[in-house]
C-alpha atoms as a PDB file:
ATOM      1  CA  UNK A   1       0.000   0.000   0.000  1.00  0.00           C
ATOM      2  CA  UNK A   2       1.552   3.357  -0.990  1.00  0.00           C
ATOM      3  CA  UNK A   3       2.169   5.952   1.666  1.00  0.00           C
ATOM      4  CA  UNK A   4      -0.210   8.861   2.033  1.00  0.00           C
ATOM      5  CA  UNK A   5       0.723  12.444   1.192  1.00  0.00           C
ATOM      6  CA  UNK A   6      -2.390  14.422   2.092  1.00  0.00           C
ATOM      7  CA  UNK A   7      -2.671  17.969   3.322  1.00  0.00           C
ATOM      8  CA  UNK A   8      -6.319  17.854   4.365  1.00  0.00           C
ATOM      9  CA  UNK A   9      -8.851  15.300   5.575  1.00  0.00           C
ATOM     10  CA  UNK A  10     -12.602  15.677   5.377  1.00  0.00           C
ATOM     11  CA  UNK A  11     -14.747  16.090   8.470  1.00  0.00           C
ATOM     12  CA  UNK A  12     -16.045  12.531   8.029  1.00  0.00           C
ATOM     13  CA  UNK A  13     -12.493  11.179   7.764  1.00  0.00           C
ATOM     14  CA  UNK A  14     -11.428  13.077  10.860  1.00  0.00           C
ATOM     15  CA  UNK A  15     -14.408  11.792  12.840  1.00  0.00           C
ATOM     16  CA  UNK A  16     -13.714   8.223  11.715  1.00  0.00           C
ATOM     17  CA  UNK A  17     -10.106   8.461  12.908  1.00  0.00           C
ATOM     18  CA  UNK A  18     -11.104  10.013  16.233  1.00  0.00           C
ATOM     19  CA  UNK A  19     -13.644   7.228  16.736  1.00  0.00           C
ATOM     20  CA  UNK A  20     -10.920   4.658  16.059  1.00  0.00           C
ATOM     21  CA  UNK A  21      -8.666   6.337  18.622  1.00  0.00           C
ATOM     22  CA  UNK A  22     -11.331   6.362  21.316  1.00  0.00           C
ATOM     23  CA  UNK A  23     -12.361   2.781  20.527  1.00  0.00           C
ATOM     24  CA  UNK A  24      -8.755   1.695  21.036  1.00  0.00           C
ATOM     25  CA  UNK A  25      -8.517   3.521  24.365  1.00  0.00           C
ATOM     26  CA  UNK A  26     -11.847   2.184  25.584  1.00  0.00           C
ATOM     27  CA  UNK A  27     -10.808  -1.342  24.610  1.00  0.00           C
ATOM     28  CA  UNK A  28      -7.641  -0.925  26.662  1.00  0.00           C
ATOM     29  CA  UNK A  29      -9.605   0.226  29.698  1.00  0.00           C
ATOM     30  CA  UNK A  30     -11.975  -2.730  29.505  1.00  0.00           C
ATOM     31  CA  UNK A  31      -9.505  -5.486  28.646  1.00  0.00           C
ATOM     32  CA  UNK A  32      -6.053  -4.206  29.658  1.00  0.00           C
ATOM     33  CA  UNK A  33      -4.887  -5.298  26.201  1.00  0.00           C
ATOM     34  CA  UNK A  34      -4.030  -3.599  22.936  1.00  0.00           C
ATOM     35  CA  UNK A  35      -6.899  -3.334  20.449  1.00  0.00           C
ATOM     36  CA  UNK A  36      -7.412  -6.146  17.939  1.00  0.00           C
ATOM     37  CA  UNK A  37      -6.091  -5.693  14.427  1.00  0.00           C
ATOM     38  CA  UNK A  38      -8.183  -3.293  12.381  1.00  0.00           C
ATOM     39  CA  UNK A  39      -9.567  -4.437   9.047  1.00  0.00           C
ATOM     40  CA  UNK A  40      -8.478  -1.456   6.990  1.00  0.00           C
ATOM     41  CA  UNK A  41     -10.690  -2.392   4.039  1.00  0.00           C
ATOM     42  CA  UNK A  42     -13.739  -1.461   6.126  1.00  0.00           C
ATOM     43  CA  UNK A  43     -12.689   2.185   5.783  1.00  0.00           C
ATOM     44  CA  UNK A  44     -12.398   4.603   2.855  1.00  0.00           C
ATOM     45  CA  UNK A  45      -9.392   4.134   0.595  1.00  0.00           C
ATOM     46  CA  UNK A  46      -7.847   7.357   1.869  1.00  0.00           C
ATOM     47  CA  UNK A  47      -7.668   5.905   5.392  1.00  0.00           C
ATOM     48  CA  UNK A  48      -6.362   2.540   4.205  1.00  0.00           C
ATOM     49  CA  UNK A  49      -3.164   4.084   2.864  1.00  0.00           C
ATOM     50  CA  UNK A  50       0.069   3.772   4.793  1.00  0.00           C
ATOM     51  CA  UNK A  51       0.734   6.843   6.937  1.00  0.00           C
ATOM     52  CA  UNK A  52       2.464   7.893  10.143  1.00  0.00           C
ATOM     53  CA  UNK A  53       0.712   9.751  12.933  1.00  0.00           C
ATOM     54  CA  UNK A  54       1.084  10.971  16.479  1.00  0.00           C
ATOM     55  CA  UNK A  55      -1.751  10.807  19.001  1.00  0.00           C
ATOM     56  CA  UNK A  56      -1.614  13.375  21.791  1.00  0.00           C
ATOM     57  CA  UNK A  57      -3.924  13.229  24.806  1.00  0.00           C
ATOM     58  CA  UNK A  58      -4.500  16.251  27.035  1.00  0.00           C
ATOM     59  CA  UNK A  59      -6.449  16.630  30.264  1.00  0.00           C
ATOM     60  CA  UNK A  60      -7.433  20.103  31.389  1.00  0.00           C
ATOM     61  CA  UNK A  61      -5.035  21.547  28.841  1.00  0.00           C
ATOM     62  CA  UNK A  62      -2.092  19.552  30.206  1.00  0.00           C
ATOM     63  CA  UNK A  63      -0.281  16.775  28.357  1.00  0.00           C
ATOM     64  CA  UNK A  64      -1.544  13.324  29.396  1.00  0.00           C
ATOM     65  CA  UNK A  65       0.227  11.144  26.829  1.00  0.00           C
ATOM     66  CA  UNK A  66       1.787  11.327  23.385  1.00  0.00           C
ATOM     67  CA  UNK A  67       3.005   8.461  21.206  1.00  0.00           C
ATOM     68  CA  UNK A  68       3.527   8.290  17.468  1.00  0.00           C
ATOM     69  CA  UNK A  69       5.280   6.968  14.397  1.00  0.00           C
ATOM     70  CA  UNK A  70       7.847   8.811  12.324  1.00  0.00           C
ATOM     71  CA  UNK A  71       7.716   6.548   9.292  1.00  0.00           C
ATOM     72  CA  UNK A  72       4.666   5.244   7.465  1.00  0.00           C
ATOM     73  CA  UNK A  73       4.634   1.456   7.860  1.00  0.00           C
ATOM     74  CA  UNK A  74       0.973   0.423   8.190  1.00  0.00           C
ATOM     75  CA  UNK A  75      -2.507   1.664   7.229  1.00  0.00           C
ATOM     76  CA  UNK A  76      -3.407   4.996   8.787  1.00  0.00           C
ATOM     77  CA  UNK A  77      -6.366   3.487  10.648  1.00  0.00           C
ATOM     78  CA  UNK A  78      -4.055   0.910  12.252  1.00  0.00           C
ATOM     79  CA  UNK A  79      -1.445   3.529  13.158  1.00  0.00           C
ATOM     80  CA  UNK A  80      -4.082   5.700  14.840  1.00  0.00           C
ATOM     81  CA  UNK A  81      -5.446   2.767  16.873  1.00  0.00           C
ATOM     82  CA  UNK A  82      -2.016   1.585  18.017  1.00  0.00           C
ATOM     83  CA  UNK A  83      -0.724   5.040  18.900  1.00  0.00           C
ATOM     84  CA  UNK A  84      -3.927   6.054  20.711  1.00  0.00           C
ATOM     85  CA  UNK A  85      -3.716   2.962  22.903  1.00  0.00           C
ATOM     86  CA  UNK A  86      -0.015   3.553  23.536  1.00  0.00           C
ATOM     87  CA  UNK A  87      -0.546   7.237  24.388  1.00  0.00           C
ATOM     88  CA  UNK A  88      -3.186   6.262  26.956  1.00  0.00           C
ATOM     89  CA  UNK A  89      -1.403   3.330  28.573  1.00  0.00           C
ATOM     90  CA  UNK A  90       2.256   3.112  27.547  1.00  0.00           C
ATOM     91  CA  UNK A  91       3.704   6.598  27.685  1.00  0.00           C
ATOM     92  CA  UNK A  92       6.435   6.121  30.338  1.00  0.00           C
ATOM     93  CA  UNK A  93       5.986   9.680  31.590  1.00  0.00           C
ATOM     94  CA  UNK A  94       2.474   8.994  32.885  1.00  0.00           C
ATOM     95  CA  UNK A  95       0.426   6.427  34.751  1.00  0.00           C
ATOM     96  CA  UNK A  96      -2.065   4.504  32.595  1.00  0.00           C
ATOM     97  CA  UNK A  97      -5.221   6.446  31.816  1.00  0.00           C
ATOM     98  CA  UNK A  98      -8.132   5.759  34.163  1.00  0.00           C
ATOM     99  CA  UNK A  99     -11.807   5.348  33.356  1.00  0.00           C
ATOM    100  CA  UNK A 100     -12.595   8.519  35.313  1.00  0.00           C
ATOM    101  CA  UNK A 101     -10.269  10.516  33.094  1.00  0.00           C
ATOM    102  CA  UNK A 102     -11.577   9.133  29.815  1.00  0.00           C
ATOM    103  CA  UNK A 103     -14.605  11.400  29.431  1.00  0.00           C
ATOM    104  CA  UNK A 104     -12.479  14.494  30.110  1.00  0.00           C
ATOM    105  CA  UNK A 105      -9.574  13.968  27.733  1.00  0.00           C
ATOM    106  CA  UNK A 106      -9.009  15.715  24.435  1.00  0.00           C
ATOM    107  CA  UNK A 107      -7.479  13.663  21.650  1.00  0.00           C
ATOM    108  CA  UNK A 108      -5.340  15.343  18.995  1.00  0.00           C
ATOM    109  CA  UNK A 109      -4.276  13.370  15.918  1.00  0.00           C
ATOM    110  CA  UNK A 110      -1.365  14.669  13.840  1.00  0.00           C
ATOM    111  CA  UNK A 111      -0.855  12.949  10.490  1.00  0.00           C
ATOM    112  CA  UNK A 112       2.685  13.380   9.244  1.00  0.00           C
ATOM    113  CA  UNK A 113       3.694  14.197   5.743  1.00  0.00           C
ATOM    114  CA  UNK A 114       6.862  12.566   4.374  1.00  0.00           C
ATOM    115  CA  UNK A 115      10.021  13.709   6.229  1.00  0.00           C
ATOM    116  CA  UNK A 116      12.254  15.824   4.000  1.00  0.00           C
ATOM    117  CA  UNK A 117      16.032  15.662   4.599  1.00  0.00           C
ATOM    118  CA  UNK A 118      17.610  19.031   5.301  1.00  0.00           C
ATOM    119  CA  UNK A 119      20.979  20.208   3.995  1.00  0.00           C
ATOM    120  CA  UNK A 120      23.104  22.481   6.195  1.00  0.00           C
ATOM    121  CA  UNK A 121      26.701  22.883   7.340  1.00  0.00           C
ATOM    122  CA  UNK A 122      26.127  24.805  10.565  1.00  0.00           C
ATOM    123  CA  UNK A 123      23.528  25.247  13.260  1.00  0.00           C
ATOM    124  CA  UNK A 124      22.800  28.701  11.892  1.00  0.00           C
ATOM    125  CA  UNK A 125      22.078  27.117   8.518  1.00  0.00           C
ATOM    126  CA  UNK A 126      19.628  24.691  10.121  1.00  0.00           C
ATOM    127  CA  UNK A 127      17.875  27.417  12.110  1.00  0.00           C
ATOM    128  CA  UNK A 128      17.546  29.643   9.049  1.00  0.00           C
ATOM    129  CA  UNK A 129      15.561  26.974   7.194  1.00  0.00           C
ATOM    130  CA  UNK A 130      13.028  26.264   9.933  1.00  0.00           C
ATOM    131  CA  UNK A 131       9.534  27.734   9.620  1.00  0.00           C
ATOM    132  CA  UNK A 132       7.964  28.345  13.056  1.00  0.00           C
ATOM    133  CA  UNK A 133       4.456  26.963  13.355  1.00  0.00           C
ATOM    134  CA  UNK A 134       4.821  24.941  10.156  1.00  0.00           C
ATOM    135  CA  UNK A 135       7.712  22.490  10.396  1.00  0.00           C
ATOM    136  CA  UNK A 136       8.041  19.466  12.595  1.00  0.00           C
ATOM    137  CA  UNK A 137      11.664  18.450  13.059  1.00  0.00           C
ATOM    138  CA  UNK A 138      13.542  15.190  13.522  1.00  0.00           C
ATOM    139  CA  UNK A 139      17.129  15.345  14.789  1.00  0.00           C
ATOM    140  CA  UNK A 140      19.397  12.304  14.720  1.00  0.00           C
ATOM    141  CA  UNK A 141      23.015  11.897  15.768  1.00  0.00           C
ATOM    142  CA  UNK A 142      25.286   9.148  14.509  1.00  0.00           C
ATOM    143  CA  UNK A 143      25.360   7.555  17.954  1.00  0.00           C
ATOM    144  CA  UNK A 144      21.650   6.757  17.712  1.00  0.00           C
ATOM    145  CA  UNK A 145      20.233   9.689  19.678  1.00  0.00           C
ATOM    146  CA  UNK A 146      17.019  10.702  17.972  1.00  0.00           C
ATOM    147  CA  UNK A 147      13.996  12.856  18.801  1.00  0.00           C
ATOM    148  CA  UNK A 148      11.234  14.853  17.172  1.00  0.00           C
ATOM    149  CA  UNK A 149       9.023  17.816  17.918  1.00  0.00           C
ATOM    150  CA  UNK A 150       5.669  18.208  16.183  1.00  0.00           C
ATOM    151  CA  UNK A 151       4.786  21.613  14.699  1.00  0.00           C
ATOM    152  CA  UNK A 152       2.449  22.189  17.667  1.00  0.00           C
ATOM    153  CA  UNK A 153       5.497  22.532  19.935  1.00  0.00           C
ATOM    154  CA  UNK A 154       6.225  25.928  18.380  1.00  0.00           C
ATOM    155  CA  UNK A 155       3.414  27.264  20.588  1.00  0.00           C
ATOM    156  CA  UNK A 156       5.639  26.829  23.652  1.00  0.00           C
ATOM    157  CA  UNK A 157       9.054  27.154  21.944  1.00  0.00           C
ATOM    158  CA  UNK A 158       8.431  29.981  19.474  1.00  0.00           C
ATOM    159  CA  UNK A 159      11.956  30.603  18.125  1.00  0.00           C
ATOM    160  CA  UNK A 160      14.079  28.236  16.019  1.00  0.00           C
ATOM    161  CA  UNK A 161      16.944  28.477  18.518  1.00  0.00           C
ATOM    162  CA  UNK A 162      14.768  27.404  21.476  1.00  0.00           C
ATOM    163  CA  UNK A 163      13.049  24.750  19.376  1.00  0.00           C
ATOM    164  CA  UNK A 164      16.338  23.115  18.365  1.00  0.00           C
ATOM    165  CA  UNK A 165      17.947  23.452  21.795  1.00  0.00           C
ATOM    166  CA  UNK A 166      15.072  21.686  23.527  1.00  0.00           C
ATOM    167  CA  UNK A 167      14.931  19.029  20.830  1.00  0.00           C
ATOM    168  CA  UNK A 168      18.607  18.318  21.412  1.00  0.00           C
ATOM    169  CA  UNK A 169      17.878  17.809  25.109  1.00  0.00           C
ATOM    170  CA  UNK A 170      15.013  15.475  24.242  1.00  0.00           C
ATOM    171  CA  UNK A 171      17.435  13.446  22.111  1.00  0.00           C
ATOM    172  CA  UNK A 172      19.880  13.164  25.003  1.00  0.00           C
ATOM    173  CA  UNK A 173      22.301  15.766  23.661  1.00  0.00           C
ATOM    174  CA  UNK A 174      23.503  19.007  25.209  1.00  0.00           C
ATOM    175  CA  UNK A 175      22.009  22.313  24.064  1.00  0.00           C
ATOM    176  CA  UNK A 176      25.431  23.297  22.659  1.00  0.00           C
ATOM    177  CA  UNK A 177      25.987  20.000  20.848  1.00  0.00           C
ATOM    178  CA  UNK A 178      27.046  20.238  17.236  1.00  0.00           C
ATOM    179  CA  UNK A 179      28.801  17.806  14.930  1.00  0.00           C
ATOM    180  CA  UNK A 180      29.200  17.090  11.246  1.00  0.00           C
ATOM    181  CA  UNK A 181      27.220  13.850  11.711  1.00  0.00           C
ATOM    182  CA  UNK A 182      24.059  15.506  13.020  1.00  0.00           C
ATOM    183  CA  UNK A 183      21.187  14.984  10.585  1.00  0.00           C
ATOM    184  CA  UNK A 184      17.760  16.598  10.383  1.00  0.00           C
ATOM    185  CA  UNK A 185      14.480  16.124   8.569  1.00  0.00           C
ATOM    186  CA  UNK A 186      11.489  18.423   8.555  1.00  0.00           C
ATOM    187  CA  UNK A 187       7.875  17.511   7.940  1.00  0.00           C
ATOM    188  CA  UNK A 188       4.428  19.019   8.064  1.00  0.00           C
ATOM    189  CA  UNK A 189       1.324  17.621   9.700  1.00  0.00           C
ATOM    190  CA  UNK A 190      -2.422  17.731   9.304  1.00  0.00           C
ATOM    191  CA  UNK A 191      -3.930  17.873  12.764  1.00  0.00           C
ATOM    192  CA  UNK A 192      -7.394  17.758  14.301  1.00  0.00           C
ATOM    193  CA  UNK A 193      -8.870  16.965  17.698  1.00  0.00           C
ATOM    194  CA  UNK A 194     -11.984  15.889  19.514  1.00  0.00           C
ATOM    195  CA  UNK A 195     -13.375  14.846  22.870  1.00  0.00           C
ATOM    196  CA  UNK A 196     -14.680  11.462  23.968  1.00  0.00           C
ATOM    197  CA  UNK A 197     -18.091  11.081  22.262  1.00  0.00           C
ATOM    198  CA  UNK A 198     -21.109  11.587  24.496  1.00  0.00           C
ATOM    199  CA  UNK A 199     -22.894   8.579  22.948  1.00  0.00           C
ATOM    200  CA  UNK A 200     -20.284   6.066  24.189  1.00  0.00           C
END
């Protein structure tokens, strides 16, 4: 299945993906297990295509879990289900989501476009190319340290310098780290969010 390169999703497609995310979380609450495999052919062709996504859960405006994929390797519907379950129950920064929290969480799905390798020979060159509020960024060092920030992170780190410094820390590097082996990719996302449906 080819990977997806979409910039927009219809309201119906967004609602279908949010429903999948909440179904996966509810299944985890009831069974303590990951959701069963999704039959992608039950969904529109656009949602069957291979795509990478991040699922971010917030509670009262505060982060409650965030897990995602950087590379497209399975149907979008399957990636949403797996990452929603993982964000709720497997993010090591948080305790597993409780049933009491479920009806109060907001779920944000970010569907990633293909990562584009960046060419630069200095940190200034990297910073100059970044577009605040638009680009997500992946940094990777030759030693295996790797991390990403979604475009939404620009809201709290509004300058390229802060954005890159904090991403270095996330990758396990120092804020002043620089080497000729540091690589970067940028990507854009299509994001949307919703709350747990009242009819569940």
